[in-house]
Amino acid sequence: MEREEKGEIIFNIDVMLAKRKMSLTELSQRVGITLANMSILKTGKAKAIRIGTLAALCEALDCQPGDLLEYRKE
């Protein structure tokens, strides 16, 4: 069965970085992933994210997953 409506998941990493006054470089170091991969997440070009990476982002930014992720209908 095919789904009619599709949406997308938006990463609000830039919003949380601004709230925490943190650079993308600092966040990538705290999370332990490359700056290139962090940029892919930030720009929304990622196709997947590991739960461990999401947990590390939440730890580094002192937030909940819902603060970072948003669902938008097309």
PDB file of N, CA and C in Angstrom:
ATOM      1  N   MET A   1       0.847  -1.184   0.000  1.00  0.00           N
ATOM      2  CA  MET A   1       0.000   0.000   0.000  1.00  0.00           C
ATOM      3  C   MET A   1       0.895   1.251   0.000  1.00  0.00           C
ATOM      4  N   GLU A   2       0.652   2.133  -0.925  1.00  0.00           N
ATOM      5  CA  GLU A   2       1.456   3.333  -1.045  1.00  0.00           C
ATOM      6  C   GLU A   2       0.846   4.480  -0.243  1.00  0.00           C
ATOM      7  N   ARG A   3       1.706   5.238   0.390  1.00  0.00           N
ATOM      8  CA  ARG A   3       1.245   6.390   1.170  1.00  0.00           C
ATOM      9  C   ARG A   3       1.082   7.583   0.249  1.00  0.00           C
ATOM     10  N   GLU A   4      -0.022   8.277   0.404  1.00  0.00           N
ATOM     11  CA  GLU A   4      -0.294   9.430  -0.453  1.00  0.00           C
ATOM     12  C   GLU A   4       0.515  10.659  -0.047  1.00  0.00           C
ATOM     13  N   GLU A   5       0.451  10.995   1.227  1.00  0.00           N
ATOM     14  CA  GLU A   5       1.139  12.190   1.692  1.00  0.00           C
ATOM     15  C   GLU A   5       2.504  11.826   2.237  1.00  0.00           C
ATOM     16  N   LYS A   6       3.472  12.639   1.885  1.00  0.00           N
ATOM     17  CA  LYS A   6       4.813  12.463   2.428  1.00  0.00           C
ATOM     18  C   LYS A   6       5.225  13.767   3.069  1.00  0.00           C
ATOM     19  N   GLY A   7       5.976  13.644   4.105  1.00  0.00           N
ATOM     20  CA  GLY A   7       6.499  14.818   4.772  1.00  0.00           C
ATOM     21  C   GLY A   7       7.996  14.664   4.915  1.00  0.00           C
ATOM     22  N   GLU A   8       8.567  15.527   5.692  1.00  0.00           N
ATOM     23  CA  GLU A   8       9.999  15.454   5.919  1.00  0.00           C
ATOM     24  C   GLU A   8      10.322  15.786   7.367  1.00  0.00           C
ATOM     25  N   ILE A   9      11.439  15.271   7.808  1.00  0.00           N
ATOM     26  CA  ILE A   9      11.937  15.573   9.138  1.00  0.00           C
ATOM     27  C   ILE A   9      12.969  16.681   8.999  1.00  0.00           C
ATOM     28  N   ILE A  10      12.785  17.742   9.744  1.00  0.00           N
ATOM     29  CA  ILE A  10      13.687  18.892   9.739  1.00  0.00           C
ATOM     30  C   ILE A  10      14.533  18.840  11.001  1.00  0.00           C
ATOM     31  N   PHE A  11      15.852  19.009  10.845  1.00  0.00           N
ATOM     32  CA  PHE A  11      16.749  19.102  11.993  1.00  0.00           C
ATOM     33  C   PHE A  11      16.915  20.566  12.363  1.00  0.00           C
ATOM     34  N   ASN A  12      16.578  20.897  13.587  1.00  0.00           N
ATOM     35  CA  ASN A  12      16.690  22.274  14.067  1.00  0.00           C
ATOM     36  C   ASN A  12      17.971  22.478  14.878  1.00  0.00           C
ATOM     37  N   ILE A  13      19.059  21.920  14.376  1.00  0.00           N
ATOM     38  CA  ILE A  13      20.332  22.034  15.082  1.00  0.00           C
ATOM     39  C   ILE A  13      20.779  23.482  15.152  1.00  0.00           C
ATOM     40  N   ASP A  14      20.578  24.238  14.079  1.00  0.00           N
ATOM     41  CA  ASP A  14      21.010  25.634  14.065  1.00  0.00           C
ATOM     42  C   ASP A  14      20.286  26.458  15.129  1.00  0.00           C
ATOM     43  N   VAL A  15      19.013  26.153  15.352  1.00  0.00           N
ATOM     44  CA  VAL A  15      18.237  26.857  16.384  1.00  0.00           C
ATOM     45  C   VAL A  15      18.819  26.574  17.763  1.00  0.00           C
ATOM     46  N   MET A  16      19.117  25.290  18.022  1.00  0.00           N
ATOM     47  CA  MET A  16      19.666  24.924  19.327  1.00  0.00           C
ATOM     48  C   MET A  16      21.075  25.474  19.514  1.00  0.00           C
ATOM     49  N   LEU A  17      21.866  25.515  18.440  1.00  0.00           N
ATOM     50  CA  LEU A  17      23.209  26.096  18.538  1.00  0.00           C
ATOM     51  C   LEU A  17      23.123  27.570  18.928  1.00  0.00           C
ATOM     52  N   ALA A  18      22.201  28.287  18.334  1.00  0.00           N
ATOM     53  CA  ALA A  18      22.030  29.709  18.654  1.00  0.00           C
ATOM     54  C   ALA A  18      21.589  29.883  20.107  1.00  0.00           C
ATOM     55  N   LYS A  19      20.658  29.042  20.562  1.00  0.00           N
ATOM     56  CA  LYS A  19      20.187  29.138  21.944  1.00  0.00           C
ATOM     57  C   LYS A  19      21.302  28.847  22.941  1.00  0.00           C
ATOM     58  N   ARG A  20      22.194  27.932  22.574  1.00  0.00           N
ATOM     59  CA  ARG A  20      23.283  27.533  23.475  1.00  0.00           C
ATOM     60  C   ARG A  20      24.560  28.340  23.247  1.00  0.00           C
ATOM     61  N   LYS A  21      24.524  29.234  22.249  1.00  0.00           N
ATOM     62  CA  LYS A  21      25.698  30.047  21.896  1.00  0.00           C
ATOM     63  C   LYS A  21      26.919  29.146  21.674  1.00  0.00           C
ATOM     64  N   MET A  22      26.722  28.142  20.821  1.00  0.00           N
ATOM     65  CA  MET A  22      27.751  27.150  20.546  1.00  0.00           C
ATOM     66  C   MET A  22      28.007  27.105  19.045  1.00  0.00           C
ATOM     67  N   SER A  23      29.239  26.872  18.657  1.00  0.00           N
ATOM     68  CA  SER A  23      29.572  26.755  17.231  1.00  0.00           C
ATOM     69  C   SER A  23      29.345  25.318  16.762  1.00  0.00           C
ATOM     70  N   LEU A  24      29.207  25.167  15.458  1.00  0.00           N
ATOM     71  CA  LEU A  24      29.044  23.839  14.877  1.00  0.00           C
ATOM     72  C   LEU A  24      30.300  23.001  15.131  1.00  0.00           C
ATOM     73  N   THR A  25      31.457  23.642  15.086  1.00  0.00           N
ATOM     74  CA  THR A  25      32.718  22.945  15.351  1.00  0.00           C
ATOM     75  C   THR A  25      32.744  22.409  16.770  1.00  0.00           C
ATOM     76  N   GLU A  26      32.357  23.228  17.738  1.00  0.00           N
ATOM     77  CA  GLU A  26      32.333  22.790  19.133  1.00  0.00           C
ATOM     78  C   GLU A  26      31.354  21.630  19.319  1.00  0.00           C
ATOM     79  N   LEU A  27      30.192  21.731  18.693  1.00  0.00           N
ATOM     80  CA  LEU A  27      29.203  20.660  18.808  1.00  0.00           C
ATOM     81  C   LEU A  27      29.736  19.356  18.215  1.00  0.00           C
ATOM     82  N   SER A  28      30.369  19.434  17.051  1.00  0.00           N
ATOM     83  CA  SER A  28      30.896  18.214  16.424  1.00  0.00           C
ATOM     84  C   SER A  28      31.957  17.567  17.311  1.00  0.00           C
ATOM     85  N   GLN A  29      32.765  18.370  17.985  1.00  0.00           N
ATOM     86  CA  GLN A  29      33.778  17.831  18.895  1.00  0.00           C
ATOM     87  C   GLN A  29      33.131  17.180  20.114  1.00  0.00           C
ATOM     88  N   ARG A  30      32.113  17.806  20.664  1.00  0.00           N
ATOM     89  CA  ARG A  30      31.428  17.244  21.836  1.00  0.00           C
ATOM     90  C   ARG A  30      30.698  15.943  21.510  1.00  0.00           C
ATOM     91  N   VAL A  31      30.125  15.882  20.305  1.00  0.00           N
ATOM     92  CA  VAL A  31      29.351  14.712  19.901  1.00  0.00           C
ATOM     93  C   VAL A  31      30.269  13.595  19.402  1.00  0.00           C
ATOM     94  N   GLY A  32      31.418  13.977  18.857  1.00  0.00           N
ATOM     95  CA  GLY A  32      32.362  12.988  18.363  1.00  0.00           C
ATOM     96  C   GLY A  32      32.116  12.557  16.930  1.00  0.00           C
ATOM     97  N   ILE A  33      31.552  13.467  16.121  1.00  0.00           N
ATOM     98  CA  ILE A  33      31.415  13.196  14.688  1.00  0.00           C
ATOM     99  C   ILE A  33      32.107  14.320  13.921  1.00  0.00           C
ATOM    100  N   THR A  34      32.444  14.039  12.682  1.00  0.00           N
ATOM    101  CA  THR A  34      33.196  15.020  11.899  1.00  0.00           C
ATOM    102  C   THR A  34      32.356  16.270  11.632  1.00  0.00           C
ATOM    103  N   LEU A  35      33.054  17.351  11.387  1.00  0.00           N
ATOM    104  CA  LEU A  35      32.372  18.607  11.053  1.00  0.00           C
ATOM    105  C   LEU A  35      31.575  18.441   9.761  1.00  0.00           C
ATOM    106  N   ALA A  36      32.102  17.676   8.819  1.00  0.00           N
ATOM    107  CA  ALA A  36      31.394  17.432   7.552  1.00  0.00           C
ATOM    108  C   ALA A  36      30.061  16.720   7.811  1.00  0.00           C
ATOM    109  N   ASN A  37      30.076  15.684   8.649  1.00  0.00           N
ATOM    110  CA  ASN A  37      28.835  14.965   8.951  1.00  0.00           C
ATOM    111  C   ASN A  37      27.873  15.833   9.762  1.00  0.00           C
ATOM    112  N   MET A  38      28.401  16.668  10.631  1.00  0.00           N
ATOM    113  CA  MET A  38      27.543  17.577  11.400  1.00  0.00           C
ATOM    114  C   MET A  38      26.876  18.577  10.451  1.00  0.00           C
ATOM    115  N   SER A  39      27.607  19.044   9.461  1.00  0.00           N
ATOM    116  CA  SER A  39      27.044  19.970   8.473  1.00  0.00           C
ATOM    117  C   SER A  39      25.918  19.310   7.681  1.00  0.00           C
ATOM    118  N   ILE A  40      26.092  18.017   7.351  1.00  0.00           N
ATOM    119  CA  ILE A  40      25.048  17.276   6.635  1.00  0.00           C
ATOM    120  C   ILE A  40      23.781  17.203   7.480  1.00  0.00           C
ATOM    121  N   LEU A  41      23.945  16.966   8.778  1.00  0.00           N
ATOM    122  CA  LEU A  41      22.778  16.946   9.670  1.00  0.00           C
ATOM    123  C   LEU A  41      22.126  18.316   9.742  1.00  0.00           C
ATOM    124  N   LYS A  42      22.943  19.340   9.911  1.00  0.00           N
ATOM    125  CA  LYS A  42      22.440  20.703  10.086  1.00  0.00           C
ATOM    126  C   LYS A  42      21.671  21.196   8.868  1.00  0.00           C
ATOM    127  N   THR A  43      22.146  20.839   7.681  1.00  0.00           N
ATOM    128  CA  THR A  43      21.503  21.323   6.456  1.00  0.00           C
ATOM    129  C   THR A  43      20.327  20.460   6.027  1.00  0.00           C
ATOM    130  N   GLY A  44      20.079  19.365   6.756  1.00  0.00           N
ATOM    131  CA  GLY A  44      18.944  18.513   6.439  1.00  0.00           C
ATOM    132  C   GLY A  44      19.185  17.550   5.297  1.00  0.00           C
ATOM    133  N   LYS A  45      20.437  17.347   4.921  1.00  0.00           N
ATOM    134  CA  LYS A  45      20.748  16.454   3.813  1.00  0.00           C
ATOM    135  C   LYS A  45      20.956  15.010   4.256  1.00  0.00           C
ATOM    136  N   ALA A  46      20.909  14.765   5.565  1.00  0.00           N
ATOM    137  CA  ALA A  46      21.101  13.409   6.085  1.00  0.00           C
ATOM    138  C   ALA A  46      19.891  12.546   5.752  1.00  0.00           C
ATOM    139  N   LYS A  47      20.146  11.298   5.411  1.00  0.00           N
ATOM    140  CA  LYS A  47      19.074  10.346   5.122  1.00  0.00           C
ATOM    141  C   LYS A  47      18.716   9.538   6.367  1.00  0.00           C
ATOM    142  N   ALA A  48      19.616   9.504   7.334  1.00  0.00           N
ATOM    143  CA  ALA A  48      19.399   8.731   8.558  1.00  0.00           C
ATOM    144  C   ALA A  48      20.272   9.296   9.673  1.00  0.00           C
ATOM    145  N   ILE A  49      19.922   8.948  10.903  1.00  0.00           N
ATOM    146  CA  ILE A  49      20.741   9.326  12.051  1.00  0.00           C
ATOM    147  C   ILE A  49      20.675   8.177  13.050  1.00  0.00           C
ATOM    148  N   ARG A  50      21.795   7.858  13.619  1.00  0.00           N
ATOM    149  CA  ARG A  50      21.836   6.805  14.633  1.00  0.00           C
ATOM    150  C   ARG A  50      21.256   7.342  15.928  1.00  0.00           C
ATOM    151  N   ILE A  51      20.593   6.448  16.641  1.00  0.00           N
ATOM    152  CA  ILE A  51      20.010   6.822  17.933  1.00  0.00           C
ATOM    153  C   ILE A  51      21.112   7.305  18.878  1.00  0.00           C
ATOM    154  N   GLY A  52      22.259   6.667  18.830  1.00  0.00           N
ATOM    155  CA  GLY A  52      23.387   7.081  19.668  1.00  0.00           C
ATOM    156  C   GLY A  52      23.850   8.493  19.354  1.00  0.00           C
ATOM    157  N   THR A  53      23.837   8.855  18.071  1.00  0.00           N
ATOM    158  CA  THR A  53      24.213  10.211  17.673  1.00  0.00           C
ATOM    159  C   THR A  53      23.169  11.212  18.144  1.00  0.00           C
ATOM    160  N   LEU A  54      21.902  10.855  18.026  1.00  0.00           N
ATOM    161  CA  LEU A  54      20.830  11.722  18.512  1.00  0.00           C
ATOM    162  C   LEU A  54      20.956  11.928  20.017  1.00  0.00           C
ATOM    163  N   ALA A  55      21.249  10.858  20.737  1.00  0.00           N
ATOM    164  CA  ALA A  55      21.435  10.962  22.189  1.00  0.00           C
ATOM    165  C   ALA A  55      22.629  11.854  22.526  1.00  0.00           C
ATOM    166  N   ALA A  56      23.713  11.720  21.776  1.00  0.00           N
ATOM    167  CA  ALA A  56      24.897  12.556  22.006  1.00  0.00           C
ATOM    168  C   ALA A  56      24.601  14.024  21.715  1.00  0.00           C
ATOM    169  N   LEU A  57      23.811  14.284  20.671  1.00  0.00           N
ATOM    170  CA  LEU A  57      23.407  15.663  20.373  1.00  0.00           C
ATOM    171  C   LEU A  57      22.584  16.236  21.524  1.00  0.00           C
ATOM    172  N   CYS A  58      21.659  15.444  22.029  1.00  0.00           N
ATOM    173  CA  CYS A  58      20.815  15.897  23.148  1.00  0.00           C
ATOM    174  C   CYS A  58      21.660  16.170  24.387  1.00  0.00           C
ATOM    175  N   GLU A  59      22.644  15.322  24.633  1.00  0.00           N
ATOM    176  CA  GLU A  59      23.539  15.518  25.781  1.00  0.00           C
ATOM    177  C   GLU A  59      24.338  16.809  25.627  1.00  0.00           C
ATOM    178  N   ALA A  60      24.929  16.994  24.452  1.00  0.00           N
ATOM    179  CA  ALA A  60      25.777  18.166  24.204  1.00  0.00           C
ATOM    180  C   ALA A  60      24.986  19.467  24.234  1.00  0.00           C
ATOM    181  N   LEU A  61      23.744  19.420  23.763  1.00  0.00           N
ATOM    182  CA  LEU A  61      22.922  20.631  23.681  1.00  0.00           C
ATOM    183  C   LEU A  61      21.951  20.769  24.852  1.00  0.00           C
ATOM    184  N   ASP A  62      21.967  19.806  25.763  1.00  0.00           N
ATOM    185  CA  ASP A  62      21.077  19.807  26.932  1.00  0.00           C
ATOM    186  C   ASP A  62      19.628  20.019  26.492  1.00  0.00           C
ATOM    187  N   CYS A  63      19.156  19.093  25.638  1.00  0.00           N
ATOM    188  CA  CYS A  63      17.803  19.211  25.106  1.00  0.00           C
ATOM    189  C   CYS A  63      17.186  17.841  24.927  1.00  0.00           C
ATOM    190  N   GLN A  64      15.963  17.811  24.458  1.00  0.00           N
ATOM    191  CA  GLN A  64      15.233  16.591  24.156  1.00  0.00           C
ATOM    192  C   GLN A  64      15.220  16.386  22.635  1.00  0.00           C
ATOM    193  N   PRO A  65      15.036  15.130  22.167  1.00  0.00           N
ATOM    194  CA  PRO A  65      14.991  14.889  20.722  1.00  0.00           C
ATOM    195  C   PRO A  65      13.969  15.777  19.994  1.00  0.00           C
ATOM    196  N   GLY A  66      12.843  16.041  20.629  1.00  0.00           N
ATOM    197  CA  GLY A  66      11.819  16.887  20.018  1.00  0.00           C
ATOM    198  C   GLY A  66      12.253  18.331  19.831  1.00  0.00           C
ATOM    199  N   ASP A  67      13.293  18.747  20.554  1.00  0.00           N
ATOM    200  CA  ASP A  67      13.836  20.096  20.358  1.00  0.00           C
ATOM    201  C   ASP A  67      14.646  20.166  19.064  1.00  0.00           C
ATOM    202  N   LEU A  68      15.154  19.025  18.622  1.00  0.00           N
ATOM    203  CA  LEU A  68      16.007  18.976  17.445  1.00  0.00           C
ATOM    204  C   LEU A  68      15.265  18.572  16.180  1.00  0.00           C
ATOM    205  N   LEU A  69      14.210  17.785  16.318  1.00  0.00           N
ATOM    206  CA  LEU A  69      13.508  17.227  15.173  1.00  0.00           C
ATOM    207  C   LEU A  69      12.110  17.797  15.028  1.00  0.00           C
ATOM    208  N   GLU A  70      11.744  18.056  13.780  1.00  0.00           N
ATOM    209  CA  GLU A  70      10.407  18.587  13.492  1.00  0.00           C
ATOM    210  C   GLU A  70       9.877  17.895  12.256  1.00  0.00           C
ATOM    211  N   TYR A  71       8.604  17.521  12.253  1.00  0.00           N
ATOM    212  CA  TYR A  71       7.968  16.899  11.091  1.00  0.00           C
ATOM    213  C   TYR A  71       7.175  17.960  10.341  1.00  0.00           C
ATOM    214  N   ARG A  72       7.388  18.042   9.025  1.00  0.00           N
ATOM    215  CA  ARG A  72       6.628  18.969   8.192  1.00  0.00           C
ATOM    216  C   ARG A  72       6.005  18.209   7.036  1.00  0.00           C
ATOM    217  N   LYS A  73       4.709  18.437   6.827  1.00  0.00           N
ATOM    218  CA  LYS A  73       4.030  17.844   5.678  1.00  0.00           C
ATOM    219  C   LYS A  73       4.429  18.604   4.429  1.00  0.00           C
ATOM    220  N   GLU A  74       4.434  17.879   3.306  1.00  0.00           N
ATOM    221  CA  GLU A  74       4.752  18.540   2.030  1.00  0.00           C
ATOM    222  C   GLU A  74       3.611  19.419   1.580  1.00  0.00           C
TER     223      GLU A  74
END
